[in-house]
C-alpha atoms as a PDB file:
ATOM      1  CA  GLY A   1     -55.893 -41.286 -27.754  1.00  0.00           C
ATOM      2  CA  ALA A   2     -58.311 -38.499 -28.522  1.00  0.00           C
ATOM      3  CA  HIS A   3     -58.895 -35.174 -26.802  1.00  0.00           C
ATOM      4  CA  LEU A   4     -62.340 -33.788 -27.503  1.00  0.00           C
ATOM      5  CA  PRO A   5     -63.313 -30.127 -27.367  1.00  0.00           C
ATOM      6  CA  GLN A   6     -66.074 -29.377 -24.881  1.00  0.00           C
ATOM      7  CA  ARG A   7     -68.702 -29.164 -27.629  1.00  0.00           C
ATOM      8  CA  LEU A   8     -67.918 -32.757 -28.731  1.00  0.00           C
ATOM      9  CA  ALA A   9     -67.571 -34.435 -25.320  1.00  0.00           C
ATOM     10  CA  GLU A  10     -70.843 -36.285 -25.819  1.00  0.00           C
ATOM     11  CA  THR A  11     -69.250 -38.146 -28.733  1.00  0.00           C
ATOM     12  CA  ALA A  12     -66.915 -39.976 -26.344  1.00  0.00           C
ATOM     13  CA  PRO A  13     -68.897 -43.259 -26.530  1.00  0.00           C
ATOM     14  CA  ALA A  14     -68.658 -43.300 -30.338  1.00  0.00           C
ATOM     15  CA  VAL A  15     -64.935 -42.523 -30.250  1.00  0.00           C
ATOM     16  CA  ARG A  16     -64.383 -45.273 -27.683  1.00  0.00           C
ATOM     17  CA  ALA A  17     -66.436 -47.756 -29.731  1.00  0.00           C
ATOM     18  CA  ALA A  18     -64.415 -46.981 -32.855  1.00  0.00           C
ATOM     19  CA  HIS A  19     -61.074 -47.047 -31.008  1.00  0.00           C
ATOM     20  CA  PRO A  20     -61.381 -49.164 -27.840  1.00  0.00           C
ATOM     21  CA  ALA A  21     -57.685 -48.946 -26.976  1.00  0.00           C
ATOM     22  CA  TRP A  22     -57.608 -45.143 -27.023  1.00  0.00           C
ATOM     23  CA  ARG A  23     -57.682 -42.892 -23.972  1.00  0.00           C
ATOM     24  CA  VAL A  24     -60.458 -40.330 -24.421  1.00  0.00           C
ATOM     25  CA  THR A  25     -60.292 -36.961 -22.680  1.00  0.00           C
ATOM     26  CA  ALA A  26     -62.315 -33.782 -23.049  1.00  0.00           C
ATOM     27  CA  ALA A  27     -62.045 -30.072 -22.441  1.00  0.00           C
ATOM     28  CA  ALA A  28     -64.311 -28.423 -19.870  1.00  0.00           C
ATOM     29  CA  HIS A  29     -64.771 -24.746 -19.140  1.00  0.00           C
ATOM     30  CA  ASP A  30     -67.346 -25.012 -16.341  1.00  0.00           C
ATOM     31  CA  ALA A  31     -68.728 -27.530 -13.849  1.00  0.00           C
ATOM     32  CA  ALA A  32     -71.766 -28.446 -15.957  1.00  0.00           C
ATOM     33  CA  ALA A  33     -69.568 -29.326 -18.922  1.00  0.00           C
ATOM     34  CA  ALA A  34     -67.254 -31.315 -16.651  1.00  0.00           C
ATOM     35  CA  ARG A  35     -70.140 -33.378 -15.291  1.00  0.00           C
ATOM     36  CA  ALA A  36     -71.562 -33.927 -18.797  1.00  0.00           C
ATOM     37  CA  ALA A  37     -68.178 -35.136 -20.057  1.00  0.00           C
ATOM     38  CA  GLU A  38     -67.900 -37.475 -17.083  1.00  0.00           C
ATOM     39  CA  LEU A  39     -71.347 -38.902 -17.844  1.00  0.00           C
ATOM     40  CA  ALA A  40     -70.277 -39.356 -21.484  1.00  0.00           C
ATOM     41  CA  GLY A  41     -67.454 -41.595 -20.285  1.00  0.00           C
ATOM     42  CA  VAL A  42     -64.268 -39.603 -20.799  1.00  0.00           C
ATOM     43  CA  GLU A  43     -61.266 -40.685 -18.743  1.00  0.00           C
ATOM     44  CA  ALA A  44     -59.924 -37.244 -17.801  1.00  0.00           C
ATOM     45  CA  LEU A  45     -60.646 -33.554 -18.194  1.00  0.00           C
ATOM     46  CA  VAL A  46     -58.539 -30.603 -19.250  1.00  0.00           C
ATOM     47  CA  VAL A  47     -60.069 -27.557 -17.563  1.00  0.00           C
ATOM     48  CA  SER A  48     -59.303 -24.109 -18.897  1.00  0.00           C
ATOM     49  CA  PRO A  49     -58.505 -21.310 -18.774  1.00  0.00           C
ATOM     50  CA  VAL A  50     -57.361 -21.181 -15.178  1.00  0.00           C
ATOM     51  CA  PHE A  51     -55.280 -18.001 -15.502  1.00  0.00           C
ATOM     52  CA  PRO A  52     -55.131 -15.316 -18.207  1.00  0.00           C
ATOM     53  CA  SER A  53     -53.801 -16.932 -21.365  1.00  0.00           C
ATOM     54  CA  ASN A  54     -52.337 -15.812 -24.667  1.00  0.00           C
ATOM     55  CA  SER A  55     -54.464 -18.365 -26.503  1.00  0.00           C
ATOM     56  CA  PRO A  56     -56.878 -16.694 -28.931  1.00  0.00           C
ATOM     57  CA  SER A  57     -59.602 -19.146 -27.863  1.00  0.00           C
ATOM     58  CA  ALA A  58     -59.210 -18.576 -24.106  1.00  0.00           C
ATOM     59  CA  GLY A  59     -62.225 -17.214 -22.314  1.00  0.00           C
ATOM     60  CA  THR A  60     -62.482 -15.522 -18.948  1.00  0.00           C
ATOM     61  CA  PRO A  61     -60.099 -17.144 -16.463  1.00  0.00           C
ATOM     62  CA  LEU A  62     -61.713 -19.454 -13.914  1.00  0.00           C
ATOM     63  CA  GLY A  63     -59.155 -18.731 -11.228  1.00  0.00           C
ATOM     64  CA  VAL A  64     -57.909 -21.280  -8.732  1.00  0.00           C
ATOM     65  CA  GLU A  65     -61.231 -21.321  -6.874  1.00  0.00           C
ATOM     66  CA  GLY A  66     -63.220 -21.924 -10.057  1.00  0.00           C
ATOM     67  CA  LEU A  67     -60.873 -24.737 -11.022  1.00  0.00           C
ATOM     68  CA  ALA A  68     -61.218 -26.283  -7.550  1.00  0.00           C
ATOM     69  CA  VAL A  69     -65.026 -26.220  -7.805  1.00  0.00           C
ATOM     70  CA  ILE A  70     -64.889 -28.019 -11.145  1.00  0.00           C
ATOM     71  CA  ALA A  71     -62.352 -30.571  -9.899  1.00  0.00           C
ATOM     72  CA  ALA A  72     -64.537 -31.312  -6.869  1.00  0.00           C
ATOM     73  CA  SER A  73     -67.629 -31.783  -9.045  1.00  0.00           C
ATOM     74  CA  VAL A  74     -66.278 -34.875 -10.830  1.00  0.00           C
ATOM     75  CA  ALA A  75     -64.540 -38.131  -9.984  1.00  0.00           C
ATOM     76  CA  LEU A  76     -62.112 -37.834 -12.893  1.00  0.00           C
ATOM     77  CA  PRO A  77     -58.497 -36.722 -13.119  1.00  0.00           C
ATOM     78  CA  VAL A  78     -58.478 -32.994 -13.910  1.00  0.00           C
ATOM     79  CA  TYR A  79     -55.609 -31.224 -15.640  1.00  0.00           C
ATOM     80  CA  ALA A  80     -55.267 -27.437 -15.392  1.00  0.00           C
ATOM     81  CA  LEU A  81     -54.629 -25.466 -18.607  1.00  0.00           C
ATOM     82  CA  GLY A  82     -54.542 -21.813 -19.499  1.00  0.00           C
ATOM     83  CA  GLY A  83     -51.883 -19.497 -18.201  1.00  0.00           C
ATOM     84  CA  VAL A  84     -50.212 -22.354 -16.351  1.00  0.00           C
ATOM     85  CA  ASN A  85     -46.476 -21.800 -16.153  1.00  0.00           C
ATOM     86  CA  ALA A  86     -43.574 -21.951 -13.732  1.00  0.00           C
ATOM     87  CA  LYS A  87     -44.838 -18.790 -11.974  1.00  0.00           C
ATOM     88  CA  THR A  88     -48.484 -19.833 -11.595  1.00  0.00           C
ATOM     89  CA  ALA A  89     -48.175 -23.585 -11.014  1.00  0.00           C
ATOM     90  CA  ASP A  90     -47.585 -23.342  -7.265  1.00  0.00           C
ATOM     91  CA  ALA A  91     -50.952 -21.622  -6.836  1.00  0.00           C
ATOM     92  CA  LEU A  92     -52.627 -24.845  -7.998  1.00  0.00           C
ATOM     93  CA  VAL A  93     -51.397 -26.919  -5.043  1.00  0.00           C
ATOM     94  CA  GLY A  94     -54.492 -28.015  -3.162  1.00  0.00           C
ATOM     95  CA  ALA A  95     -56.899 -27.217  -6.010  1.00  0.00           C
ATOM     96  CA  GLY A  96     -57.682 -30.883  -6.630  1.00  0.00           C
ATOM     97  CA  VAL A  97     -55.906 -31.209  -9.946  1.00  0.00           C
ATOM     98  CA  TYR A  98     -54.175 -34.340 -11.124  1.00  0.00           C
ATOM     99  CA  GLY A  99     -51.683 -32.502 -13.301  1.00  0.00           C
ATOM    100  CA  LEU A 100     -50.804 -29.489 -15.394  1.00  0.00           C
ATOM    101  CA  ALA A 101     -51.105 -28.863 -19.101  1.00  0.00           C
ATOM    102  CA  GLY A 102     -49.476 -26.095 -21.035  1.00  0.00           C
ATOM    103  CA  ILE A 103     -48.772 -24.865 -24.491  1.00  0.00           C
ATOM    104  CA  GLU A 104     -46.194 -22.140 -24.035  1.00  0.00           C
ATOM    105  CA  GLY A 105     -45.807 -21.951 -20.265  1.00  0.00           C
ATOM    106  CA  PHE A 106     -43.014 -24.451 -19.776  1.00  0.00           C
ATOM    107  CA  GLY A 107     -40.441 -23.139 -22.269  1.00  0.00           C
ATOM    108  CA  ALA A 108     -36.886 -22.367 -21.290  1.00  0.00           C
END
């Protein structure tokens, strides 16, 4: 599969045409980007950052409410990323997410 950064979500049709068997997902950092990625034909979204994150590329956290607004604005599976860990995951129950994504939050 391929995961596209938000700025390249519109290339999803070309990626799918070149690799029809691949799953194509995209990053989204706001509702407008989520809807644009959906219109471009991605199969799922990774929305970030939900909570404060150590990632150097993380922007201002969306919070659970911001994540919920984005999840409700699309008919795609949404994965939460950014500051998601064993301590923050429970706060996402009911936010409309399909799953969780993490880089360092699920270590031992």
